Protein backbone atom coordinates (compact mmCIF):
# COMPACT_ATOMS: atom_id res chain seq x y z
CA UNK A 1 47.30 -21.17 16.00
CA UNK A 2 45.70 -17.68 15.20
CA UNK A 3 42.58 -17.21 13.18
CA UNK A 4 42.75 -16.35 9.47
CA UNK A 5 40.95 -13.19 8.38
CA UNK A 6 38.35 -13.73 5.95
CA UNK A 7 39.50 -12.56 2.31
CA UNK A 8 36.33 -11.55 0.47
CA UNK A 9 36.43 -11.87 -2.82
CA UNK A 10 35.59 -8.52 -5.26
CA UNK A 11 33.61 -8.97 -7.87
CA UNK A 12 34.29 -6.02 -10.16
CA UNK A 13 32.93 -4.84 -14.05
CA UNK A 14 34.10 -6.30 -16.83
CA UNK A 15 34.81 -3.47 -19.52
CA UNK A 16 36.78 -3.65 -22.79
CA UNK A 17 38.13 -7.17 -21.79
CA UNK A 18 39.26 -6.14 -18.33
CA UNK A 19 37.86 -5.91 -14.88
CA UNK A 20 38.11 -2.73 -13.45
CA UNK A 21 36.78 -1.33 -10.27
CA UNK A 22 33.85 1.27 -10.40
CA UNK A 23 35.16 4.62 -11.40
CA UNK A 24 33.11 5.89 -8.32
CA UNK A 25 35.11 3.49 -5.94
CA UNK A 26 31.67 2.16 -4.73
CA UNK A 27 30.38 -1.49 -3.85
CA UNK A 28 27.79 -3.32 -2.18
CA UNK A 29 27.91 -6.81 -0.78
CA UNK A 30 26.17 -9.57 -1.79
CA UNK A 31 26.98 -13.12 -0.37
CA UNK A 32 29.76 -12.14 1.67
CA UNK A 33 31.32 -10.63 -1.32
CA UNK A 34 31.77 -7.04 -2.57
CA UNK A 35 30.57 -6.25 -6.09
CA UNK A 36 31.12 -2.82 -7.79
CA UNK A 37 28.43 -0.53 -7.74
CA UNK A 38 28.39 0.57 -11.67
CA UNK A 39 28.21 4.53 -12.38
CA UNK A 40 27.04 6.56 -15.35
CA UNK A 41 30.51 6.73 -16.40
CA UNK A 42 31.08 3.31 -16.29
CA UNK A 43 28.36 2.72 -18.44
CA UNK A 44 29.51 5.74 -21.11
CA UNK A 45 33.28 3.79 -20.94
CA UNK A 46 31.42 0.48 -21.48
CA UNK A 47 29.92 1.78 -24.92
CA UNK A 48 33.02 3.04 -26.07
CA UNK A 49 34.49 -0.25 -25.32
CA UNK A 50 31.76 -2.00 -27.09
CA UNK A 51 31.84 0.20 -30.03
CA UNK A 52 35.63 0.03 -30.62
CA UNK A 53 35.45 -3.77 -30.81
CA UNK A 54 32.71 -3.70 -33.08
CA UNK A 55 34.80 -3.44 -36.33
CA UNK A 56 36.63 -6.56 -35.70
CA UNK A 57 33.88 -8.37 -34.21
CA UNK A 58 31.67 -7.91 -37.29
CA UNK A 59 34.19 -8.30 -39.46
CA UNK A 60 35.54 -11.86 -38.46
CA UNK A 61 33.78 -14.85 -40.14
CA UNK A 62 30.65 -16.63 -39.30
CA UNK A 63 32.69 -19.52 -38.68
CA UNK A 64 35.35 -17.94 -36.64
CA UNK A 65 32.53 -16.69 -34.44
CA UNK A 66 30.95 -19.86 -33.86
CA UNK A 67 34.11 -21.35 -32.79
CA UNK A 68 34.45 -18.92 -29.98
CA UNK A 69 30.75 -19.58 -29.03
CA UNK A 70 31.65 -23.22 -28.54
CA UNK A 71 34.50 -22.65 -26.81
CA UNK A 72 32.93 -20.27 -24.02
CA UNK A 73 30.50 -23.44 -23.75
CA UNK A 74 33.56 -25.39 -23.12
CA UNK A 75 34.98 -23.03 -20.45
CA UNK A 76 31.80 -22.61 -18.59
CA UNK A 77 31.65 -26.58 -18.59
CA UNK A 78 34.66 -26.63 -16.77
CA UNK A 79 33.51 -23.95 -14.14
CA UNK A 80 30.81 -25.70 -13.42
CA UNK A 81 31.37 -26.48 -9.93
CA UNK A 82 31.99 -22.76 -9.40
CA UNK A 83 28.59 -21.55 -10.21
CA UNK A 84 26.80 -24.36 -8.02
CA UNK A 85 28.69 -22.99 -5.37
CA UNK A 86 27.20 -19.44 -6.05
CA UNK A 87 23.51 -21.42 -5.91
CA UNK A 88 22.90 -21.88 -9.44
CA UNK A 89 21.59 -25.14 -9.99
CA UNK A 90 23.04 -27.62 -12.23
CA UNK A 91 20.39 -28.48 -14.76
CA UNK A 92 20.39 -24.20 -15.34
CA UNK A 93 23.98 -24.37 -15.88
CA UNK A 94 24.09 -27.36 -18.33
CA UNK A 95 20.69 -25.58 -19.74
CA UNK A 96 23.48 -22.67 -20.31
CA UNK A 97 26.05 -24.32 -21.45
CA UNK A 98 23.84 -26.31 -24.11
CA UNK A 99 22.47 -22.68 -25.10
CA UNK A 100 25.71 -21.38 -26.20
CA UNK A 101 26.44 -24.45 -28.41
CA UNK A 102 23.07 -24.02 -29.90
CA UNK A 103 23.49 -20.18 -30.79
CA UNK A 104 26.96 -21.48 -32.07
CA UNK A 105 25.70 -23.80 -34.45
CA UNK A 106 23.75 -20.84 -35.99
CA UNK A 107 26.36 -18.08 -36.48
CA UNK A 108 27.13 -19.40 -40.25
CA UNK A 109 23.83 -20.84 -41.14
CA UNK A 110 21.56 -17.58 -39.97
CA UNK A 111 23.01 -15.72 -43.38
CA UNK A 112 21.34 -18.40 -45.59
CA UNK A 113 18.20 -19.08 -43.64
CA UNK A 114 18.01 -14.90 -43.56
CA UNK A 115 19.52 -13.90 -46.22
CA UNK A 116 19.56 -15.01 -50.28
CA UNK A 117 18.84 -13.85 -53.87
CA UNK A 118 15.38 -11.89 -54.61
CA UNK A 119 13.44 -12.42 -57.93
CA UNK A 120 13.54 -9.36 -59.75
CA UNK A 121 12.56 -8.20 -63.33
CA UNK A 122 15.54 -7.03 -65.24
CA UNK A 123 18.84 -8.42 -66.18
CA UNK A 124 19.90 -7.98 -62.45
CA UNK A 125 21.13 -10.22 -59.29
CA UNK A 126 19.49 -8.57 -56.24
CA UNK A 127 20.79 -10.11 -52.83
CA UNK A 128 19.93 -9.54 -49.59
CA UNK A 129 22.47 -10.19 -46.78
CA UNK A 130 21.74 -9.73 -42.72
CA UNK A 131 24.44 -7.39 -40.85
CA UNK A 132 24.73 -6.80 -37.09
CA UNK A 133 22.92 -3.95 -35.72
CA UNK A 134 25.68 -2.08 -33.87
CA UNK A 135 26.43 -1.98 -30.14
CA UNK A 136 23.05 -3.54 -28.24
CA UNK A 137 22.51 -2.43 -24.79
CA UNK A 138 20.92 -5.61 -22.21
CA UNK A 139 19.02 -5.56 -19.43
CA UNK A 140 19.71 -9.26 -18.02
CA UNK A 141 16.69 -11.07 -16.23
CA UNK A 142 17.07 -11.85 -12.68
CA UNK A 143 15.77 -15.48 -12.79
CA UNK A 144 17.03 -17.33 -14.02
CA UNK A 145 20.40 -15.76 -13.03
CA UNK A 146 22.98 -17.65 -15.86
CA UNK A 147 20.73 -19.19 -18.29
CA UNK A 148 18.72 -15.67 -18.38
CA UNK A 149 22.11 -14.15 -18.88
CA UNK A 150 23.46 -16.81 -21.97
CA UNK A 151 19.95 -16.53 -23.50
CA UNK A 152 19.97 -12.26 -23.96
CA UNK A 153 24.11 -12.33 -24.52
CA UNK A 154 24.36 -14.99 -26.96
CA UNK A 155 21.88 -13.89 -29.81
CA UNK A 156 23.26 -10.57 -29.63
CA UNK A 157 27.23 -11.32 -30.35
CA UNK A 158 26.77 -14.75 -32.68
CA UNK A 159 25.16 -12.49 -35.23
CA UNK A 160 27.95 -9.72 -35.11
CA UNK A 161 26.99 -7.16 -32.63
CA UNK A 162 28.82 -6.31 -29.85
CA UNK A 163 26.97 -5.72 -26.22
CA UNK A 164 26.59 -3.93 -22.74
CA UNK A 165 24.93 -5.55 -20.51
CA UNK A 166 23.28 -4.54 -17.41
CA UNK A 167 23.52 -7.42 -14.83
CA UNK A 168 20.19 -7.93 -12.53
CA UNK A 169 21.06 -6.35 -9.03
CA UNK A 170 19.61 -9.75 -7.29
CA UNK A 171 22.05 -11.89 -9.45
CA UNK A 172 25.48 -10.06 -9.95
CA UNK A 173 27.74 -13.10 -8.87
CA UNK A 174 26.76 -15.09 -11.66
CA UNK A 175 27.01 -12.05 -14.52
CA UNK A 176 30.87 -11.42 -13.09
CA UNK A 177 31.77 -15.12 -13.11
CA UNK A 178 30.50 -15.28 -16.71
CA UNK A 179 32.40 -12.68 -17.17
CA UNK A 180 35.35 -14.31 -16.14
CA UNK A 181 34.55 -17.46 -18.24
CA UNK A 182 34.16 -14.96 -21.55
CA UNK A 183 37.49 -13.31 -20.77
CA UNK A 184 39.25 -16.84 -21.26
CA UNK A 185 37.33 -17.98 -23.93
CA UNK A 186 39.26 -16.50 -27.10
CA UNK A 187 36.55 -13.63 -27.17
CA UNK A 188 37.87 -10.14 -28.01
CA UNK A 189 37.93 -7.50 -25.54
CA UNK A 190 34.86 -5.54 -25.56
CA UNK A 191 32.77 -7.45 -27.29
CA UNK A 192 30.88 -8.50 -23.81
CA UNK A 193 30.59 -5.48 -21.46
CA UNK A 194 29.14 -6.18 -17.90
CA UNK A 195 27.76 -3.87 -15.31
CA UNK A 196 26.68 -4.59 -11.67
CA UNK A 197 24.72 -2.12 -9.68
CA UNK A 198 21.54 -0.69 -9.80
CA UNK A 199 19.42 -0.69 -12.91
CA UNK A 200 17.69 2.88 -12.42
CA UNK A 201 21.26 4.21 -12.44
CA UNK A 202 23.08 2.70 -15.48
CA UNK A 203 20.11 1.72 -17.87
CA UNK A 204 18.89 5.16 -18.86
CA UNK A 205 22.15 6.26 -19.74
CA UNK A 206 22.42 3.41 -22.25
CA UNK A 207 18.70 3.90 -23.50
CA UNK A 208 19.98 7.79 -24.09
CA UNK A 209 23.28 6.76 -25.21
CA UNK A 210 23.67 8.04 -29.19
CA UNK A 211 25.96 5.38 -30.03
CA UNK A 212 24.05 2.62 -28.81
CA UNK A 213 21.84 0.94 -31.73
CA UNK A 214 19.54 -1.26 -29.86
CA UNK A 215 18.37 -1.88 -26.28
CA UNK A 216 17.03 -4.94 -24.99
CA UNK A 217 14.55 -4.50 -22.25
CA UNK A 218 14.14 -8.37 -21.40
CA UNK A 219 14.77 -7.70 -17.44
CA UNK A 220 12.73 -4.91 -16.86
CA UNK A 221 10.13 -5.38 -14.52
CA UNK A 222 8.76 -2.09 -13.78
CA UNK A 223 6.03 -1.07 -16.66
CA UNK A 224 6.98 2.63 -16.02
CA UNK A 225 10.73 2.29 -16.15
CA UNK A 226 10.30 0.31 -19.25
CA UNK A 227 8.02 3.08 -21.01
CA UNK A 228 10.79 5.69 -19.96
CA UNK A 229 13.65 4.00 -21.77
CA UNK A 230 11.71 3.61 -24.64
CA UNK A 231 11.33 7.18 -24.72
CA UNK A 232 14.84 7.60 -24.59
CA UNK A 233 15.62 5.46 -26.87
CA UNK A 234 13.35 6.93 -29.78
CA UNK A 235 15.58 9.99 -29.64
CA UNK A 236 18.01 7.98 -32.14
CA UNK A 237 15.79 5.05 -33.40
CA UNK A 238 17.24 2.60 -31.80
CA UNK A 239 15.61 -0.88 -32.14
CA UNK A 240 13.97 -1.69 -28.86
CA UNK A 241 13.30 -5.50 -27.53
CA UNK A 242 10.59 -5.36 -24.85
CA UNK A 243 10.42 -7.18 -21.38
CA UNK A 244 9.35 -10.70 -21.48
CA UNK A 245 6.19 -11.81 -19.32
CA UNK A 246 6.96 -13.25 -15.98
CA UNK A 247 6.09 -16.48 -16.91
CA UNK A 248 8.68 -16.90 -19.81
CA UNK A 249 9.64 -20.09 -19.83
CA UNK A 250 13.41 -19.57 -20.54
CA UNK A 251 14.08 -23.86 -20.88
CA UNK A 252 12.15 -23.69 -24.29
CA UNK A 253 13.61 -23.40 -27.68
CA UNK A 254 14.70 -20.06 -28.28
CA UNK A 255 13.87 -19.61 -31.92
CA UNK A 256 15.33 -17.20 -34.26
CA UNK A 257 13.49 -14.11 -33.05
CA UNK A 258 16.36 -12.85 -30.89
CA UNK A 259 19.01 -12.87 -33.56
CA UNK A 260 17.43 -11.32 -36.39
CA UNK A 261 15.60 -8.62 -34.42
CA UNK A 262 19.03 -7.55 -33.83
CA UNK A 263 19.88 -7.57 -37.43
CA UNK A 264 20.10 -4.81 -40.08
CA UNK A 265 19.21 -6.07 -44.05
CA UNK A 266 21.62 -5.03 -46.93
CA UNK A 267 20.33 -5.42 -50.34
CA UNK A 268 22.86 -5.31 -53.49
CA UNK A 269 21.85 -4.82 -56.81
CA UNK A 270 24.47 -6.01 -59.59
CA UNK A 271 24.00 -6.18 -63.12
CA UNK A 272 24.16 -9.67 -64.77
CA UNK A 273 27.20 -10.24 -67.36
CA UNK A 274 26.40 -11.29 -70.87
């Protein structure tokens, strides 16, 4: 009996609901698997996909977005053993699943908490309602690989934003496996796009991109890089979430801060009827 040749899995990018290889054809080896090395063009393609998905996702009902996030939790629960095989601890997988459910529950409640009627003088109704910022670039933290990734993606998309995620080079397998979960969870293509590879190659492109509305620098650990990215983001007045401290507790109650920071507020005046 002849020995079989090992068939390595190739972990591809996740752009527009599909799994393309990097346009550069490059990859790097992680845990005996090939992982695509995203280029600047891949980053630009991901922004195009996120923008194209934005109108439909923002226009979906909050109830529908919540149902889809809950479906993600269901699919993640079903792939638990796959993440364990990648080295993700069981308690982290459980926490990540619970976090999807937690954010799903906020989908149709946040507008009531963050918006509402304003008291004004005169015969007018004055109403404020939250709206998504648009396309959000996200730098995912390296640890905890899965929970950290979920904790930066879920609050951005539950409010109607679309995202381009630069996965940590130290934990790309969990990121692309999560992409496989998203691809089978009724999430429209382009709502979440995931890039693997060198942060120094893709993130500056996202920070300077004029069609990106906000950038989350959570996973940036180099202060000089973070400062440079903020300068690039300032060119089109992107909203910026700064890196979290190294001792940040990802298992703690996440609060509403990540959701509300990635929202705009629209205020409408309307005359009262007689």
